[in-house]
Amino acid sequence: MDEYDFYSQVMDSILDYLPDEYSGYTVSMEQVTKNNDQVMHGLVIRGEDATMAPIIYMDGYYRDINSGSDMADVLKDIAGQYLRVMDGKDLFSVPDLDFDSVKDTLRVRLVNTVSNQELLRNVISKPVDCGFSLVPFIDIPMGNDTGGMIQITRKMADTFGYDEKEIMKAAIAGSILNSEPGLYRIEDVLFGGDDKENLLQTVKRDDSLDGILVLTYRDSEFGAASLFFPGMQMRISEVIGDRDYYVLPSSVHELLVLPEAEVHSAEELAKMVQSVNAGMVAPDERLGDKVLHYRADLDRLSVAVNLEKDRDRERER
């Protein structure tokens, strides 16, 4: 089945799988640009007076159809997911969107600039070093340790009179205060549960740490952005004994940090990142096939190896 035939059938039939109280709702399909310009197709079922409505992404359901799932079963699953969201709608509320109302809910995430050209045309962002950009968003807690997000588009900024510098400053401050950036031993992340030691807070400058470290947030979500918070790069160097280090962009949620003395080849690290991205990281969570290097005496972060550029050069030949 062609994907657009699938989307049309869903829009035509989904209300038949919902209780009668939803019979007057309108149904539409929206294209949503996610990280790395991944375009997702979202089903929106909206009541007459509703200003906001949940988006149920259809792409996974379309893959189910291509794998042999029955259309009626897929429609039942979509309806069930929508009803579960609606049953929990009282657990969260969307704030008024003036700056004073949203400033305490602002957070920030990191994206690869080159891989997000379409996204960055439409949202507020700030370029940072090494080909990355910070993108602020409004965090919407939804209960049960889950949440949603509202991207801050340029249209929203015009409508509500946002100052982009104020938005970015508040988003970084909100992430630092509420998400608690941390540097952890990798074994603590894998096996330590909630008892991980945040080395940014506990290690003194004259200490020296070896091994792989993980930079992320307390809850891990979008923690890679913390590398570009004020003073963070230098503080990481202090934690490992005022040494230079490499950074592997594991995903939008975390980065791996390795002291330079423990690395034999930055090129091999980059190939490892490329392999992990291809096999283990979802396309919309990747930060790119590159390795970064921090030089302590210059307080400077740079790109050590960029396999993306190498790949682009091969295409041009």
C-alpha atoms as a PDB file:
ATOM      1  CA  MET A   1       0.000   0.000   0.000  1.00  0.00           C
ATOM      2  CA  ASP A   2       1.277   3.468  -0.870  1.00  0.00           C
ATOM      3  CA  GLU A   3       1.899   5.526   2.274  1.00  0.00           C
ATOM      4  CA  TYR A   4      -0.448   8.304   1.201  1.00  0.00           C
ATOM      5  CA  ASP A   5      -3.217   5.781   0.525  1.00  0.00           C
ATOM      6  CA  PHE A   6      -2.607   4.547   4.072  1.00  0.00           C
ATOM      7  CA  TYR A   7      -2.835   8.065   5.530  1.00  0.00           C
ATOM      8  CA  SER A   8      -6.058   8.703   3.575  1.00  0.00           C
ATOM      9  CA  GLN A   9      -7.629   5.493   4.837  1.00  0.00           C
ATOM     10  CA  VAL A  10      -6.691   6.364   8.419  1.00  0.00           C
ATOM     11  CA  MET A  11      -8.256   9.836   8.145  1.00  0.00           C
ATOM     12  CA  ASP A  12     -11.405   8.426   6.525  1.00  0.00           C
ATOM     13  CA  SER A  13     -11.903   5.614   9.038  1.00  0.00           C
ATOM     14  CA  ILE A  14     -10.373   6.474  12.417  1.00  0.00           C
ATOM     15  CA  LEU A  15     -13.519   8.076  13.893  1.00  0.00           C
ATOM     16  CA  ASP A  16     -15.347   4.760  13.375  1.00  0.00           C
ATOM     17  CA  TYR A  17     -12.966   3.235  15.907  1.00  0.00           C
ATOM     18  CA  LEU A  18     -13.536   5.905  18.559  1.00  0.00           C
ATOM     19  CA  PRO A  19     -16.496   6.323  20.937  1.00  0.00           C
ATOM     20  CA  ASP A  20     -19.533   8.223  19.673  1.00  0.00           C
ATOM     21  CA  GLU A  21     -18.525  11.368  21.584  1.00  0.00           C
ATOM     22  CA  TYR A  22     -15.729  11.898  19.036  1.00  0.00           C
ATOM     23  CA  SER A  23     -18.014  11.689  15.988  1.00  0.00           C
ATOM     24  CA  GLY A  24     -17.976  15.457  15.418  1.00  0.00           C
ATOM     25  CA  TYR A  25     -14.190  15.827  15.675  1.00  0.00           C
ATOM     26  CA  THR A  26     -12.121  16.885  12.678  1.00  0.00           C
ATOM     27  CA  VAL A  27      -9.268  14.705  11.414  1.00  0.00           C
ATOM     28  CA  SER A  28      -6.168  15.919   9.616  1.00  0.00           C
ATOM     29  CA  MET A  29      -2.629  14.809   8.813  1.00  0.00           C
ATOM     30  CA  GLU A  30       0.362  17.071   9.444  1.00  0.00           C
ATOM     31  CA  GLN A  31       3.991  16.798   8.395  1.00  0.00           C
ATOM     32  CA  VAL A  32       6.325  17.487  11.334  1.00  0.00           C
ATOM     33  CA  THR A  33      10.049  18.105  10.843  1.00  0.00           C
ATOM     34  CA  LYS A  34      12.010  16.367  13.591  1.00  0.00           C
ATOM     35  CA  ASN A  35      15.732  16.317  14.374  1.00  0.00           C
ATOM     36  CA  ASN A  36      18.012  15.724  11.350  1.00  0.00           C
ATOM     37  CA  ASP A  37      15.166  16.890   9.107  1.00  0.00           C
ATOM     38  CA  GLN A  38      13.328  13.608   9.585  1.00  0.00           C
ATOM     39  CA  VAL A  39       9.783  14.239   8.335  1.00  0.00           C
ATOM     40  CA  MET A  40       7.107  12.478  10.390  1.00  0.00           C
ATOM     41  CA  HIS A  41       3.410  12.247   9.553  1.00  0.00           C
ATOM     42  CA  GLY A  42       1.132  13.077  12.463  1.00  0.00           C
ATOM     43  CA  LEU A  43      -2.576  12.341  12.808  1.00  0.00           C
ATOM     44  CA  VAL A  44      -4.472  15.162  14.533  1.00  0.00           C
ATOM     45  CA  ILE A  45      -7.975  14.571  15.915  1.00  0.00           C
ATOM     46  CA  ARG A  46      -9.379  17.831  17.195  1.00  0.00           C
ATOM     47  CA  GLY A  47     -12.587  18.864  18.911  1.00  0.00           C
ATOM     48  CA  GLU A  48     -14.458  21.944  17.722  1.00  0.00           C
ATOM     49  CA  ASP A  49     -13.308  24.253  20.530  1.00  0.00           C
ATOM     50  CA  ALA A  50      -9.868  22.723  21.131  1.00  0.00           C
ATOM     51  CA  THR A  51      -6.871  25.030  20.776  1.00  0.00           C
ATOM     52  CA  MET A  52      -4.389  22.145  21.155  1.00  0.00           C
ATOM     53  CA  ALA A  53      -4.568  18.487  20.138  1.00  0.00           C
ATOM     54  CA  PRO A  54      -2.209  15.513  20.486  1.00  0.00           C
ATOM     55  CA  ILE A  55      -0.277  14.303  17.441  1.00  0.00           C
ATOM     56  CA  ILE A  56      -0.195  10.541  16.856  1.00  0.00           C
ATOM     57  CA  TYR A  57       2.669   9.690  14.500  1.00  0.00           C
ATOM     58  CA  MET A  58       1.703   7.331  11.685  1.00  0.00           C
ATOM     59  CA  ASP A  59       5.092   6.297  10.286  1.00  0.00           C
ATOM     60  CA  GLY A  60       5.497   3.280  12.555  1.00  0.00           C
ATOM     61  CA  TYR A  61       1.949   2.144  11.819  1.00  0.00           C
ATOM     62  CA  TYR A  62       2.650   2.354   8.085  1.00  0.00           C
ATOM     63  CA  ARG A  63       5.664   0.101   8.576  1.00  0.00           C
ATOM     64  CA  ASP A  64       3.362  -2.333  10.404  1.00  0.00           C
ATOM     65  CA  ILE A  65       1.057  -2.402   7.378  1.00  0.00           C
ATOM     66  CA  ASN A  66       3.996  -3.160   5.089  1.00  0.00           C
ATOM     67  CA  SER A  67       4.994  -5.964   7.449  1.00  0.00           C
ATOM     68  CA  GLY A  68       1.609  -7.612   6.991  1.00  0.00           C
ATOM     69  CA  SER A  69      -0.543  -6.164   9.781  1.00  0.00           C
ATOM     70  CA  ASP A  70      -4.269  -5.947   9.182  1.00  0.00           C
ATOM     71  CA  MET A  71      -5.644  -2.447   8.578  1.00  0.00           C
ATOM     72  CA  ALA A  72      -8.468  -2.909  11.086  1.00  0.00           C
ATOM     73  CA  ASP A  73      -6.003  -3.962  13.795  1.00  0.00           C
ATOM     74  CA  VAL A  74      -3.791  -0.960  13.047  1.00  0.00           C
ATOM     75  CA  LEU A  75      -6.768   1.401  13.275  1.00  0.00           C
ATOM     76  CA  LYS A  76      -7.716  -0.131  16.631  1.00  0.00           C
ATOM     77  CA  ASP A  77      -4.164   0.469  17.871  1.00  0.00           C
ATOM     78  CA  ILE A  78      -4.206   4.094  16.686  1.00  0.00           C
ATOM     79  CA  ALA A  79      -7.573   4.708  18.353  1.00  0.00           C
ATOM     80  CA  GLY A  80      -6.321   3.086  21.556  1.00  0.00           C
ATOM     81  CA  GLN A  81      -3.213   5.273  21.618  1.00  0.00           C
ATOM     82  CA  TYR A  82      -5.308   8.401  21.075  1.00  0.00           C
ATOM     83  CA  LEU A  83      -7.721   7.470  23.874  1.00  0.00           C
ATOM     84  CA  ARG A  84      -4.839   6.799  26.276  1.00  0.00           C
ATOM     85  CA  VAL A  85      -3.471  10.267  25.553  1.00  0.00           C
ATOM     86  CA  MET A  86      -6.889  11.840  26.033  1.00  0.00           C
ATOM     87  CA  ASP A  87      -7.422   9.942  29.290  1.00  0.00           C
ATOM     88  CA  GLY A  88      -4.225  11.538  30.612  1.00  0.00           C
ATOM     89  CA  LYS A  89      -4.833  15.039  29.286  1.00  0.00           C
ATOM     90  CA  ASP A  90      -5.725  16.355  32.747  1.00  0.00           C
ATOM     91  CA  LEU A  91      -2.192  15.464  33.907  1.00  0.00           C
ATOM     92  CA  PHE A  92      -0.743  18.314  31.891  1.00  0.00           C
ATOM     93  CA  SER A  93      -1.662  21.747  30.693  1.00  0.00           C
ATOM     94  CA  VAL A  94      -0.348  23.909  27.908  1.00  0.00           C
ATOM     95  CA  PRO A  95       0.788  27.292  29.255  1.00  0.00           C
ATOM     96  CA  ASP A  96      -0.189  30.632  27.884  1.00  0.00           C
ATOM     97  CA  LEU A  97       2.446  31.414  25.300  1.00  0.00           C
ATOM     98  CA  ASP A  98       3.511  34.906  26.331  1.00  0.00           C
ATOM     99  CA  PHE A  99       7.139  35.070  27.462  1.00  0.00           C
ATOM    100  CA  ASP A 100       6.436  35.503  31.182  1.00  0.00           C
ATOM    101  CA  SER A 101       4.251  32.368  31.129  1.00  0.00           C
ATOM    102  CA  VAL A 102       6.721  30.125  29.301  1.00  0.00           C
ATOM    103  CA  LYS A 103      10.116  31.336  30.536  1.00  0.00           C
ATOM    104  CA  ASP A 104      10.293  28.882  33.452  1.00  0.00           C
ATOM    105  CA  THR A 105       9.449  25.940  31.181  1.00  0.00           C
ATOM    106  CA  LEU A 106      12.075  26.693  28.527  1.00  0.00           C
ATOM    107  CA  ARG A 107      14.774  24.086  27.859  1.00  0.00           C
ATOM    108  CA  VAL A 108      17.362  23.615  25.121  1.00  0.00           C
ATOM    109  CA  ARG A 109      18.567  20.756  22.905  1.00  0.00           C
ATOM    110  CA  LEU A 110      21.520  20.266  20.554  1.00  0.00           C
ATOM    111  CA  VAL A 111      21.258  19.549  16.824  1.00  0.00           C
ATOM    112  CA  ASN A 112      23.681  19.072  13.942  1.00  0.00           C
ATOM    113  CA  THR A 113      23.462  22.292  11.912  1.00  0.00           C
ATOM    114  CA  VAL A 114      24.129  20.781   8.485  1.00  0.00           C
ATOM    115  CA  SER A 115      21.635  17.947   9.006  1.00  0.00           C
ATOM    116  CA  ASN A 116      18.861  20.294  10.155  1.00  0.00           C
ATOM    117  CA  GLN A 117      18.652  22.954   7.471  1.00  0.00           C
ATOM    118  CA  GLU A 118      14.888  22.641   7.065  1.00  0.00           C
ATOM    119  CA  LEU A 119      14.233  22.621  10.819  1.00  0.00           C
ATOM    120  CA  LEU A 120      16.499  25.599  11.482  1.00  0.00           C
ATOM    121  CA  ARG A 121      14.781  27.697   8.829  1.00  0.00           C
ATOM    122  CA  ASN A 122      11.609  27.571  10.894  1.00  0.00           C
ATOM    123  CA  VAL A 123      12.670  27.613  14.566  1.00  0.00           C
ATOM    124  CA  ILE A 124      14.639  29.877  16.869  1.00  0.00           C
ATOM    125  CA  SER A 125      18.219  28.628  17.220  1.00  0.00           C
ATOM    126  CA  LYS A 126      21.758  29.648  18.112  1.00  0.00           C
ATOM    127  CA  PRO A 127      24.866  28.375  16.268  1.00  0.00           C
ATOM    128  CA  VAL A 128      27.630  27.081  18.543  1.00  0.00           C
ATOM    129  CA  ASP A 129      31.049  25.540  17.860  1.00  0.00           C
ATOM    130  CA  CYS A 130      31.869  22.516  15.716  1.00  0.00           C
ATOM    131  CA  GLY A 131      28.846  22.619  13.429  1.00  0.00           C
ATOM    132  CA  PHE A 132      26.120  22.394  16.061  1.00  0.00           C
ATOM    133  CA  SER A 133      23.187  24.599  17.028  1.00  0.00           C
ATOM    134  CA  LEU A 134      21.178  25.000  20.232  1.00  0.00           C
ATOM    135  CA  VAL A 135      17.403  24.914  19.799  1.00  0.00           C
ATOM    136  CA  PRO A 136      15.104  26.060  22.644  1.00  0.00           C
ATOM    137  CA  PHE A 137      11.736  24.451  23.331  1.00  0.00           C
ATOM    138  CA  ILE A 138       8.878  24.624  25.825  1.00  0.00           C
ATOM    139  CA  ASP A 139       8.833  21.590  28.132  1.00  0.00           C
ATOM    140  CA  ILE A 140       5.353  20.221  28.856  1.00  0.00           C
ATOM    141  CA  PRO A 141       5.250  17.751  31.801  1.00  0.00           C
ATOM    142  CA  MET A 142       2.559  15.118  31.256  1.00  0.00           C
ATOM    143  CA  GLY A 143       2.751  13.028  34.426  1.00  0.00           C
ATOM    144  CA  ASN A 144       4.105   9.511  34.933  1.00  0.00           C
ATOM    145  CA  ASP A 145       7.647  10.762  34.199  1.00  0.00           C
ATOM    146  CA  THR A 146       6.755  11.612  30.603  1.00  0.00           C
ATOM    147  CA  GLY A 147       6.461  14.901  28.809  1.00  0.00           C
ATOM    148  CA  GLY A 148       5.998  16.717  25.560  1.00  0.00           C
ATOM    149  CA  MET A 149       7.600  19.687  23.876  1.00  0.00           C
ATOM    150  CA  ILE A 150       6.583  22.704  21.824  1.00  0.00           C
ATOM    151  CA  GLN A 151       9.155  23.908  19.322  1.00  0.00           C
ATOM    152  CA  ILE A 152       9.530  27.681  19.276  1.00  0.00           C
ATOM    153  CA  THR A 153       9.021  28.630  15.661  1.00  0.00           C
ATOM    154  CA  ARG A 154       9.880  31.976  14.137  1.00  0.00           C
ATOM    155  CA  LYS A 155       6.156  32.468  13.553  1.00  0.00           C
ATOM    156  CA  MET A 156       5.528  32.018  17.290  1.00  0.00           C
ATOM    157  CA  ALA A 157       8.298  34.510  18.044  1.00  0.00           C
ATOM    158  CA  ASP A 158       6.642  37.090  15.798  1.00  0.00           C
ATOM    159  CA  THR A 159       3.178  36.379  17.184  1.00  0.00           C
ATOM    160  CA  PHE A 160       4.133  36.616  20.866  1.00  0.00           C
ATOM    161  CA  GLY A 161       6.929  39.152  20.555  1.00  0.00           C
ATOM    162  CA  TYR A 162       9.716  36.880  21.787  1.00  0.00           C
ATOM    163  CA  ASP A 163      13.231  38.273  21.929  1.00  0.00           C
ATOM    164  CA  GLU A 164      15.459  35.458  20.613  1.00  0.00           C
ATOM    165  CA  LYS A 165      18.346  36.250  22.984  1.00  0.00           C
ATOM    166  CA  GLU A 166      16.000  36.248  25.987  1.00  0.00           C
ATOM    167  CA  ILE A 167      14.485  32.929  24.888  1.00  0.00           C
ATOM    168  CA  MET A 168      17.888  31.299  24.482  1.00  0.00           C
ATOM    169  CA  LYS A 169      19.221  32.646  27.796  1.00  0.00           C
ATOM    170  CA  ALA A 170      16.129  31.421  29.667  1.00  0.00           C
ATOM    171  CA  ALA A 171      16.248  28.010  27.943  1.00  0.00           C
ATOM    172  CA  ILE A 172      19.886  27.406  28.924  1.00  0.00           C
ATOM    173  CA  ALA A 173      19.226  28.602  32.492  1.00  0.00           C
ATOM    174  CA  GLY A 174      16.161  26.351  32.690  1.00  0.00           C
ATOM    175  CA  SER A 175      18.108  23.310  31.526  1.00  0.00           C
ATOM    176  CA  ILE A 176      20.918  23.943  34.015  1.00  0.00           C
ATOM    177  CA  LEU A 177      18.522  24.438  36.922  1.00  0.00           C
ATOM    178  CA  ASN A 178      15.945  21.751  36.191  1.00  0.00           C
ATOM    179  CA  SER A 179      17.766  19.101  34.162  1.00  0.00           C
ATOM    180  CA  GLU A 180      21.014  19.132  36.192  1.00  0.00           C
ATOM    181  CA  PRO A 181      23.894  18.489  33.760  1.00  0.00           C
ATOM    182  CA  GLY A 182      26.217  15.782  35.017  1.00  0.00           C
ATOM    183  CA  LEU A 183      29.444  13.984  34.138  1.00  0.00           C
ATOM    184  CA  TYR A 184      29.359  10.317  35.130  1.00  0.00           C
ATOM    185  CA  ARG A 185      31.570   7.239  34.921  1.00  0.00           C
ATOM    186  CA  ILE A 186      30.180   5.048  32.164  1.00  0.00           C
ATOM    187  CA  GLU A 187      29.826   2.076  34.510  1.00  0.00           C
ATOM    188  CA  ASP A 188      27.639   4.203  36.808  1.00  0.00           C
ATOM    189  CA  VAL A 189      25.402   5.113  33.862  1.00  0.00           C
ATOM    190  CA  LEU A 190      25.107   1.470  32.797  1.00  0.00           C
ATOM    191  CA  PHE A 191      24.770  -0.138  36.218  1.00  0.00           C
ATOM    192  CA  GLY A 192      24.435   2.571  38.870  1.00  0.00           C
ATOM    193  CA  GLY A 193      20.718   3.315  38.671  1.00  0.00           C
ATOM    194  CA  ASP A 194      19.772   6.537  40.462  1.00  0.00           C
ATOM    195  CA  ASP A 195      22.914   6.539  42.626  1.00  0.00           C
ATOM    196  CA  LYS A 196      25.259   7.927  39.966  1.00  0.00           C
ATOM    197  CA  GLU A 197      28.000  10.250  41.201  1.00  0.00           C
ATOM    198  CA  ASN A 198      27.947  13.585  39.370  1.00  0.00           C
ATOM    199  CA  LEU A 199      31.674  14.228  38.957  1.00  0.00           C
ATOM    200  CA  LEU A 200      31.078  17.881  38.056  1.00  0.00           C
ATOM    201  CA  GLN A 201      30.009  18.411  41.657  1.00  0.00           C
ATOM    202  CA  THR A 202      32.275  16.022  43.558  1.00  0.00           C
ATOM    203  CA  VAL A 203      35.684  15.945  41.890  1.00  0.00           C
ATOM    204  CA  LYS A 204      38.231  18.539  42.954  1.00  0.00           C
ATOM    205  CA  ARG A 205      40.586  20.196  40.511  1.00  0.00           C
ATOM    206  CA  ASP A 206      43.664  18.326  41.736  1.00  0.00           C
ATOM    207  CA  ASP A 207      42.001  14.942  41.191  1.00  0.00           C
ATOM    208  CA  SER A 208      42.518  12.994  37.955  1.00  0.00           C
ATOM    209  CA  LEU A 209      40.062  10.596  36.351  1.00  0.00           C
ATOM    210  CA  ASP A 210      40.612   8.026  33.615  1.00  0.00           C
ATOM    211  CA  GLY A 211      38.278   5.948  31.517  1.00  0.00           C
ATOM    212  CA  ILE A 212      35.153   6.781  29.524  1.00  0.00           C
ATOM    213  CA  LEU A 213      32.864   9.417  31.014  1.00  0.00           C
ATOM    214  CA  VAL A 214      29.304  10.335  30.020  1.00  0.00           C
ATOM    215  CA  LEU A 215      28.030  13.912  29.835  1.00  0.00           C
ATOM    216  CA  THR A 216      24.246  14.090  30.077  1.00  0.00           C
ATOM    217  CA  TYR A 217      21.332  15.343  32.204  1.00  0.00           C
ATOM    218  CA  ARG A 218      20.011  13.718  35.356  1.00  0.00           C
ATOM    219  CA  ASP A 219      17.148  12.226  33.324  1.00  0.00           C
ATOM    220  CA  SER A 220      19.350  11.884  30.192  1.00  0.00           C
ATOM    221  CA  GLU A 221      16.870  13.524  27.793  1.00  0.00           C
ATOM    222  CA  PHE A 222      18.619  16.004  25.430  1.00  0.00           C
ATOM    223  CA  GLY A 223      21.671  16.102  27.711  1.00  0.00           C
ATOM    224  CA  ALA A 224      24.199  16.571  24.881  1.00  0.00           C
ATOM    225  CA  ALA A 225      23.375  20.293  24.849  1.00  0.00           C
ATOM    226  CA  SER A 226      25.181  20.762  28.173  1.00  0.00           C
ATOM    227  CA  LEU A 227      28.603  20.651  26.465  1.00  0.00           C
ATOM    228  CA  PHE A 228      27.929  24.197  25.278  1.00  0.00           C
ATOM    229  CA  PHE A 229      26.802  25.651  28.589  1.00  0.00           C
ATOM    230  CA  PRO A 230      29.002  28.384  30.097  1.00  0.00           C
ATOM    231  CA  GLY A 231      32.201  26.984  31.597  1.00  0.00           C
ATOM    232  CA  MET A 232      31.302  23.348  30.926  1.00  0.00           C
ATOM    233  CA  GLN A 233      34.158  22.463  28.579  1.00  0.00           C
ATOM    234  CA  MET A 234      36.796  23.808  30.962  1.00  0.00           C
ATOM    235  CA  ARG A 235      35.141  22.129  33.964  1.00  0.00           C
ATOM    236  CA  ILE A 236      35.313  18.744  32.218  1.00  0.00           C
ATOM    237  CA  SER A 237      39.035  19.284  31.686  1.00  0.00           C
ATOM    238  CA  GLU A 238      39.457  20.086  35.391  1.00  0.00           C
ATOM    239  CA  VAL A 239      37.639  16.879  36.357  1.00  0.00           C
ATOM    240  CA  ILE A 240      40.064  14.730  34.372  1.00  0.00           C
ATOM    241  CA  GLY A 241      43.155  16.509  35.691  1.00  0.00           C
ATOM    242  CA  ASP A 242      43.415  19.661  33.555  1.00  0.00           C
ATOM    243  CA  ARG A 243      43.959  17.505  30.482  1.00  0.00           C
ATOM    244  CA  ASP A 244      42.880  17.625  26.858  1.00  0.00           C
ATOM    245  CA  TYR A 245      40.069  15.280  25.855  1.00  0.00           C
ATOM    246  CA  TYR A 246      37.988  13.937  22.989  1.00  0.00           C
ATOM    247  CA  VAL A 247      34.191  14.101  22.755  1.00  0.00           C
ATOM    248  CA  LEU A 248      32.134  11.469  20.929  1.00  0.00           C
ATOM    249  CA  PRO A 249      28.614  12.663  20.008  1.00  0.00           C
ATOM    250  CA  SER A 250      26.798   9.523  21.108  1.00  0.00           C
ATOM    251  CA  SER A 251      23.311  10.999  20.576  1.00  0.00           C
ATOM    252  CA  VAL A 252      21.227  14.091  21.319  1.00  0.00           C
ATOM    253  CA  HIS A 253      20.875  12.695  24.840  1.00  0.00           C
ATOM    254  CA  GLU A 254      24.495  12.126  25.861  1.00  0.00           C
ATOM    255  CA  LEU A 255      28.140  12.572  24.868  1.00  0.00           C
ATOM    256  CA  LEU A 256      31.130  10.367  25.655  1.00  0.00           C
ATOM    257  CA  VAL A 257      34.313  12.000  26.994  1.00  0.00           C
ATOM    258  CA  LEU A 258      37.760  10.362  26.780  1.00  0.00           C
ATOM    259  CA  PRO A 259      41.049  11.841  28.055  1.00  0.00           C
ATOM    260  CA  GLU A 260      43.388  12.395  25.116  1.00  0.00           C
ATOM    261  CA  ALA A 261      46.151  10.231  26.623  1.00  0.00           C
ATOM    262  CA  GLU A 262      43.876   7.191  26.389  1.00  0.00           C
ATOM    263  CA  VAL A 263      43.108   7.604  22.683  1.00  0.00           C
ATOM    264  CA  HIS A 264      45.340   5.989  20.073  1.00  0.00           C
ATOM    265  CA  SER A 265      43.522   7.258  16.976  1.00  0.00           C
ATOM    266  CA  ALA A 266      40.857   9.924  16.571  1.00  0.00           C
ATOM    267  CA  GLU A 267      40.068   8.426  13.149  1.00  0.00           C
ATOM    268  CA  GLU A 268      39.224   5.087  14.760  1.00  0.00           C
ATOM    269  CA  LEU A 269      36.979   6.870  17.244  1.00  0.00           C
ATOM    270  CA  ALA A 270      35.138   8.549  14.369  1.00  0.00           C
ATOM    271  CA  LYS A 271      34.640   5.213  12.624  1.00  0.00           C
ATOM    272  CA  MET A 272      33.235   3.829  15.873  1.00  0.00           C
ATOM    273  CA  VAL A 273      30.783   6.747  16.112  1.00  0.00           C
ATOM    274  CA  GLN A 274      29.761   6.162  12.495  1.00  0.00           C
ATOM    275  CA  SER A 275      29.186   2.460  13.109  1.00  0.00           C
ATOM    276  CA  VAL A 276      27.160   3.039  16.276  1.00  0.00           C
ATOM    277  CA  ASN A 277      25.056   5.707  14.552  1.00  0.00           C
ATOM    278  CA  ALA A 278      24.257   3.378  11.668  1.00  0.00           C
ATOM    279  CA  GLY A 279      23.364   0.393  13.810  1.00  0.00           C
ATOM    280  CA  MET A 280      22.155   1.576  17.199  1.00  0.00           C
ATOM    281  CA  VAL A 281      21.023   5.237  17.167  1.00  0.00           C
ATOM    282  CA  ALA A 282      17.655   6.300  15.767  1.00  0.00           C
ATOM    283  CA  PRO A 283      18.009   8.678  12.782  1.00  0.00           C
ATOM    284  CA  ASP A 284      16.280  11.519  14.639  1.00  0.00           C
ATOM    285  CA  GLU A 285      18.651  11.182  17.636  1.00  0.00           C
ATOM    286  CA  ARG A 286      21.994  11.347  15.792  1.00  0.00           C
ATOM    287  CA  LEU A 287      24.425  14.243  16.092  1.00  0.00           C
ATOM    288  CA  GLY A 288      26.677  13.204  13.221  1.00  0.00           C
ATOM    289  CA  ASP A 289      29.754  11.152  12.373  1.00  0.00           C
ATOM    290  CA  LYS A 290      32.429  13.345  13.907  1.00  0.00           C
ATOM    291  CA  VAL A 291      34.791  13.479  16.883  1.00  0.00           C
ATOM    292  CA  LEU A 292      35.555  16.668  18.817  1.00  0.00           C
ATOM    293  CA  HIS A 293      38.750  17.645  20.625  1.00  0.00           C
ATOM    294  CA  TYR A 294      39.156  20.044  23.553  1.00  0.00           C
ATOM    295  CA  ARG A 295      42.533  21.703  24.103  1.00  0.00           C
ATOM    296  CA  ALA A 296      42.840  22.858  27.699  1.00  0.00           C
ATOM    297  CA  ASP A 297      45.626  25.439  27.310  1.00  0.00           C
ATOM    298  CA  LEU A 298      43.575  27.336  24.715  1.00  0.00           C
ATOM    299  CA  ASP A 299      40.129  26.566  26.189  1.00  0.00           C
ATOM    300  CA  ARG A 300      39.064  25.615  22.663  1.00  0.00           C
ATOM    301  CA  LEU A 301      36.799  22.916  21.265  1.00  0.00           C
ATOM    302  CA  SER A 302      37.330  21.890  17.642  1.00  0.00           C
ATOM    303  CA  VAL A 303      36.461  19.098  15.228  1.00  0.00           C
ATOM    304  CA  ALA A 304      39.206  16.447  15.198  1.00  0.00           C
ATOM    305  CA  VAL A 305      37.692  14.167  12.548  1.00  0.00           C
ATOM    306  CA  ASN A 306      34.564  14.696  10.451  1.00  0.00           C
ATOM    307  CA  LEU A 307      33.503  11.691   8.398  1.00  0.00           C
ATOM    308  CA  GLU A 308      30.498  13.666   7.163  1.00  0.00           C
ATOM    309  CA  LYS A 309      32.799  15.978   5.189  1.00  0.00           C
ATOM    310  CA  ASP A 310      34.734  13.008   3.867  1.00  0.00           C
ATOM    311  CA  ARG A 311      31.453  11.452   2.711  1.00  0.00           C
ATOM    312  CA  ASP A 312      30.381  14.688   1.009  1.00  0.00           C
ATOM    313  CA  ARG A 313      33.693  14.893  -0.838  1.00  0.00           C
ATOM    314  CA  GLU A 314      33.213  11.346  -2.120  1.00  0.00           C
ATOM    315  CA  ARG A 315      29.792  12.289  -3.479  1.00  0.00           C
ATOM    316  CA  GLU A 316      31.235  15.282  -5.308  1.00  0.00           C
ATOM    317  CA  ARG A 317      33.866  13.193  -7.144  1.00  0.00           C
END
